Amino acid sequence: MKNIVRFVKSLLGKYETGYEYWVYTKDIIVPEKYKKTRIRNEKWKHKVGYYLRTGNFESPIILHKDFTLFDGYSSVKIAYLSGIDKVPVYFVG
């Protein structure tokens, strides 16, 4: 029953913290400060390697309620470059 209530809330744009939701990658808003920051080469290779080995992102994607990225830029970038339509995300309070 709680999952149904959570689903209906998500349809209304109300997301709870601590629960995984799936959103379209194209709907994630990446602030300019992330776009201007270069991911260190060794970190990038590690994150991509983890994704290729496991099929999962090493770092969770965390969003504000308006879908603006809070954390997990490398995971979002991997999703964009891999052509992934939907990704698991969590929301901050």
N, C-alpha and C. Protein backbone atom coordinates (compact mmCIF):
# COMPACT_ATOMS: atom_id res chain seq x y z
N MET A 1 0.82 -1.20 0.00
CA MET A 1 0.00 0.00 0.00
C MET A 1 0.87 1.26 0.00
N LYS A 2 1.98 1.23 0.80
CA LYS A 2 2.85 2.40 0.84
C LYS A 2 3.47 2.68 -0.52
N ASN A 3 3.80 1.62 -1.27
CA ASN A 3 4.39 1.82 -2.59
C ASN A 3 3.40 2.48 -3.54
N ILE A 4 2.13 2.15 -3.40
CA ILE A 4 1.09 2.77 -4.24
C ILE A 4 0.98 4.25 -3.91
N VAL A 5 0.97 4.56 -2.62
CA VAL A 5 0.88 5.96 -2.19
C VAL A 5 2.10 6.74 -2.68
N ARG A 6 3.29 6.14 -2.57
CA ARG A 6 4.52 6.79 -3.02
C ARG A 6 4.47 7.03 -4.53
N PHE A 7 3.94 6.05 -5.27
CA PHE A 7 3.82 6.19 -6.72
C PHE A 7 2.88 7.34 -7.07
N VAL A 8 1.73 7.40 -6.43
CA VAL A 8 0.76 8.47 -6.70
C VAL A 8 1.37 9.83 -6.36
N LYS A 9 2.10 9.91 -5.24
CA LYS A 9 2.75 11.16 -4.87
C LYS A 9 3.76 11.58 -5.95
N SER A 10 4.50 10.59 -6.48
CA SER A 10 5.49 10.93 -7.50
C SER A 10 4.82 11.47 -8.76
N LEU A 11 3.63 10.97 -9.07
CA LEU A 11 2.89 11.50 -10.22
C LEU A 11 2.52 12.96 -10.01
N LEU A 12 2.36 13.34 -8.74
CA LEU A 12 2.01 14.72 -8.39
C LEU A 12 3.25 15.58 -8.13
N GLY A 13 4.44 15.00 -8.33
CA GLY A 13 5.67 15.76 -8.13
C GLY A 13 6.12 15.83 -6.69
N LYS A 14 5.63 14.94 -5.84
CA LYS A 14 6.01 14.92 -4.43
C LYS A 14 6.85 13.66 -4.19
N TYR A 15 8.12 13.87 -3.90
CA TYR A 15 9.05 12.76 -3.72
C TYR A 15 9.53 12.69 -2.28
N GLU A 16 9.64 11.48 -1.76
CA GLU A 16 10.12 11.27 -0.40
C GLU A 16 11.61 11.00 -0.42
N THR A 17 12.30 11.47 0.61
CA THR A 17 13.72 11.18 0.71
C THR A 17 13.91 9.74 1.18
N GLY A 18 15.04 9.16 0.79
CA GLY A 18 15.36 7.81 1.24
C GLY A 18 14.78 6.70 0.39
N TYR A 19 14.09 7.03 -0.68
CA TYR A 19 13.49 6.02 -1.55
C TYR A 19 14.01 6.20 -2.97
N GLU A 20 14.17 5.09 -3.66
CA GLU A 20 14.64 5.13 -5.04
C GLU A 20 13.49 5.38 -5.98
N TYR A 21 13.71 6.31 -6.90
CA TYR A 21 12.76 6.60 -7.98
C TYR A 21 13.51 6.47 -9.30
N TRP A 22 12.78 6.25 -10.37
CA TRP A 22 13.39 6.21 -11.70
C TRP A 22 12.90 7.42 -12.47
N VAL A 23 13.83 8.18 -13.03
CA VAL A 23 13.47 9.37 -13.80
C VAL A 23 14.19 9.32 -15.14
N TYR A 24 13.66 10.07 -16.09
CA TYR A 24 14.30 10.17 -17.40
C TYR A 24 15.59 10.99 -17.26
N THR A 25 16.63 10.50 -17.86
CA THR A 25 17.93 11.17 -17.80
C THR A 25 17.82 12.58 -18.37
N LYS A 26 17.04 12.75 -19.41
CA LYS A 26 16.90 14.07 -20.04
C LYS A 26 16.24 15.10 -19.13
N ASP A 27 15.54 14.63 -18.08
CA ASP A 27 14.86 15.54 -17.15
C ASP A 27 15.76 16.04 -16.02
N ILE A 28 16.95 15.47 -15.90
CA ILE A 28 17.87 15.89 -14.85
C ILE A 28 18.55 17.19 -15.27
N ILE A 29 18.50 18.18 -14.40
CA ILE A 29 19.09 19.48 -14.66
C ILE A 29 20.47 19.52 -14.01
N VAL A 30 21.50 19.63 -14.84
CA VAL A 30 22.87 19.67 -14.32
C VAL A 30 23.32 21.13 -14.25
N PRO A 31 23.58 21.63 -13.03
CA PRO A 31 24.03 23.02 -12.90
C PRO A 31 25.35 23.26 -13.61
N GLU A 32 25.56 24.49 -14.04
CA GLU A 32 26.78 24.86 -14.76
C GLU A 32 28.04 24.56 -13.95
N LYS A 33 27.96 24.68 -12.62
CA LYS A 33 29.16 24.43 -11.80
C LYS A 33 29.67 23.00 -11.98
N TYR A 34 28.77 22.05 -12.23
CA TYR A 34 29.19 20.67 -12.48
C TYR A 34 29.76 20.54 -13.89
N LYS A 35 29.11 21.18 -14.84
CA LYS A 35 29.56 21.08 -16.23
C LYS A 35 30.95 21.67 -16.43
N LYS A 36 31.28 22.69 -15.64
CA LYS A 36 32.58 23.35 -15.75
C LYS A 36 33.68 22.59 -15.02
N THR A 37 33.30 21.69 -14.13
CA THR A 37 34.27 20.93 -13.35
C THR A 37 34.70 19.70 -14.14
N ARG A 38 35.98 19.52 -14.25
CA ARG A 38 36.52 18.35 -14.96
C ARG A 38 36.70 17.21 -13.97
N ILE A 39 36.19 16.03 -14.32
CA ILE A 39 36.36 14.85 -13.47
C ILE A 39 37.79 14.34 -13.70
N ARG A 40 38.52 14.14 -12.61
CA ARG A 40 39.89 13.65 -12.74
C ARG A 40 39.93 12.36 -13.53
N ASN A 41 40.95 12.20 -14.35
CA ASN A 41 41.06 11.07 -15.26
C ASN A 41 41.00 9.73 -14.52
N GLU A 42 41.76 9.60 -13.42
CA GLU A 42 41.76 8.32 -12.70
C GLU A 42 40.40 8.02 -12.06
N LYS A 43 39.74 9.06 -11.58
CA LYS A 43 38.41 8.87 -11.00
C LYS A 43 37.42 8.45 -12.10
N TRP A 44 37.49 9.11 -13.25
CA TRP A 44 36.60 8.80 -14.36
C TRP A 44 36.78 7.35 -14.82
N LYS A 45 38.04 6.94 -14.98
CA LYS A 45 38.31 5.55 -15.40
C LYS A 45 37.77 4.56 -14.38
N HIS A 46 37.92 4.87 -13.10
CA HIS A 46 37.40 3.99 -12.04
C HIS A 46 35.88 3.89 -12.11
N LYS A 47 35.20 5.03 -12.25
CA LYS A 47 33.73 5.05 -12.29
C LYS A 47 33.19 4.31 -13.52
N VAL A 48 33.80 4.55 -14.68
CA VAL A 48 33.37 3.88 -15.91
C VAL A 48 33.65 2.39 -15.81
N GLY A 49 34.81 2.02 -15.28
CA GLY A 49 35.15 0.61 -15.10
C GLY A 49 34.16 -0.10 -14.20
N TYR A 50 33.78 0.56 -13.11
CA TYR A 50 32.80 -0.02 -12.19
C TYR A 50 31.47 -0.25 -12.91
N TYR A 51 31.05 0.75 -13.69
CA TYR A 51 29.79 0.63 -14.44
C TYR A 51 29.86 -0.52 -15.45
N LEU A 52 30.96 -0.62 -16.17
CA LEU A 52 31.10 -1.67 -17.17
C LEU A 52 31.13 -3.07 -16.54
N ARG A 53 31.75 -3.18 -15.37
CA ARG A 53 31.82 -4.48 -14.67
C ARG A 53 30.49 -4.89 -14.06
N THR A 54 29.77 -3.94 -13.47
CA THR A 54 28.59 -4.29 -12.67
C THR A 54 27.26 -3.93 -13.33
N GLY A 55 27.28 -2.97 -14.24
CA GLY A 55 26.02 -2.49 -14.83
C GLY A 55 25.30 -1.50 -13.92
N ASN A 56 25.96 -1.12 -12.83
CA ASN A 56 25.40 -0.15 -11.87
C ASN A 56 26.35 1.03 -11.74
N PHE A 57 25.79 2.15 -11.30
CA PHE A 57 26.63 3.32 -11.02
C PHE A 57 27.25 3.15 -9.64
N GLU A 58 28.50 3.54 -9.51
CA GLU A 58 29.16 3.45 -8.21
C GLU A 58 28.57 4.47 -7.23
N SER A 59 28.26 5.65 -7.73
CA SER A 59 27.71 6.70 -6.89
C SER A 59 26.24 6.91 -7.22
N PRO A 60 25.39 7.03 -6.21
CA PRO A 60 23.97 7.28 -6.49
C PRO A 60 23.77 8.69 -7.05
N ILE A 61 22.72 8.84 -7.82
CA ILE A 61 22.35 10.15 -8.34
C ILE A 61 21.34 10.74 -7.36
N ILE A 62 21.68 11.92 -6.85
CA ILE A 62 20.83 12.57 -5.85
C ILE A 62 20.35 13.91 -6.42
N LEU A 63 19.05 14.12 -6.37
CA LEU A 63 18.44 15.31 -6.94
C LEU A 63 17.70 16.13 -5.90
N HIS A 64 17.59 17.43 -6.19
CA HIS A 64 16.66 18.28 -5.46
C HIS A 64 15.27 17.99 -6.01
N LYS A 65 14.24 18.45 -5.34
CA LYS A 65 12.86 18.18 -5.75
C LYS A 65 12.53 18.72 -7.14
N ASP A 66 13.29 19.73 -7.60
CA ASP A 66 13.04 20.29 -8.94
C ASP A 66 13.88 19.60 -10.02
N PHE A 67 14.48 18.44 -9.68
CA PHE A 67 15.29 17.62 -10.58
C PHE A 67 16.66 18.21 -10.87
N THR A 68 17.08 19.20 -10.10
CA THR A 68 18.42 19.74 -10.22
C THR A 68 19.38 18.81 -9.50
N LEU A 69 20.50 18.52 -10.13
CA LEU A 69 21.48 17.60 -9.57
C LEU A 69 22.08 18.14 -8.28
N PHE A 70 22.11 17.29 -7.25
CA PHE A 70 22.74 17.61 -5.97
C PHE A 70 24.07 16.88 -5.87
N ASP A 71 24.11 15.62 -6.30
CA ASP A 71 25.33 14.81 -6.24
C ASP A 71 25.22 13.66 -7.24
N GLY A 72 26.37 13.16 -7.68
CA GLY A 72 26.39 12.03 -8.60
C GLY A 72 26.61 12.43 -10.04
N TYR A 73 27.36 13.52 -10.24
CA TYR A 73 27.58 14.01 -11.60
C TYR A 73 28.22 12.96 -12.50
N SER A 74 29.20 12.23 -11.98
CA SER A 74 29.87 11.23 -12.83
C SER A 74 28.88 10.16 -13.29
N SER A 75 27.95 9.78 -12.43
CA SER A 75 26.93 8.78 -12.81
C SER A 75 26.00 9.33 -13.88
N VAL A 76 25.62 10.59 -13.76
CA VAL A 76 24.76 11.22 -14.77
C VAL A 76 25.50 11.29 -16.10
N LYS A 77 26.77 11.65 -16.06
CA LYS A 77 27.55 11.76 -17.28
C LYS A 77 27.70 10.39 -17.96
N ILE A 78 27.93 9.34 -17.17
CA ILE A 78 28.01 7.99 -17.73
C ILE A 78 26.67 7.62 -18.38
N ALA A 79 25.57 7.95 -17.73
CA ALA A 79 24.24 7.65 -18.28
C ALA A 79 24.03 8.37 -19.60
N TYR A 80 24.37 9.67 -19.66
CA TYR A 80 24.24 10.43 -20.90
C TYR A 80 25.06 9.79 -22.03
N LEU A 81 26.32 9.51 -21.73
CA LEU A 81 27.23 8.98 -22.75
C LEU A 81 26.85 7.57 -23.19
N SER A 82 26.20 6.82 -22.30
CA SER A 82 25.79 5.44 -22.62
C SER A 82 24.41 5.38 -23.27
N GLY A 83 23.73 6.52 -23.35
CA GLY A 83 22.41 6.55 -23.96
C GLY A 83 21.32 5.92 -23.09
N ILE A 84 21.50 5.97 -21.79
CA ILE A 84 20.52 5.40 -20.87
C ILE A 84 19.35 6.37 -20.71
N ASP A 85 18.14 5.88 -20.95
CA ASP A 85 16.94 6.73 -20.90
C ASP A 85 16.49 7.05 -19.48
N LYS A 86 16.51 6.05 -18.60
CA LYS A 86 16.02 6.24 -17.23
C LYS A 86 17.08 5.76 -16.25
N VAL A 87 17.20 6.49 -15.15
CA VAL A 87 18.18 6.14 -14.12
C VAL A 87 17.53 6.17 -12.74
N PRO A 88 18.09 5.38 -11.81
CA PRO A 88 17.59 5.44 -10.43
C PRO A 88 18.13 6.67 -9.74
N VAL A 89 17.28 7.36 -9.00
CA VAL A 89 17.69 8.56 -8.28
C VAL A 89 17.10 8.56 -6.88
N TYR A 90 17.67 9.40 -6.05
CA TYR A 90 17.16 9.67 -4.71
C TYR A 90 17.00 11.18 -4.59
N PHE A 91 16.12 11.61 -3.73
CA PHE A 91 15.87 13.03 -3.54
C PHE A 91 16.32 13.48 -2.15
N VAL A 92 16.86 14.71 -2.08
CA VAL A 92 17.22 15.30 -0.80
C VAL A 92 16.00 16.03 -0.25
N GLY A 93 15.98 16.24 1.03
CA GLY A 93 14.85 16.87 1.70
C GLY A 93 14.67 18.31 1.46
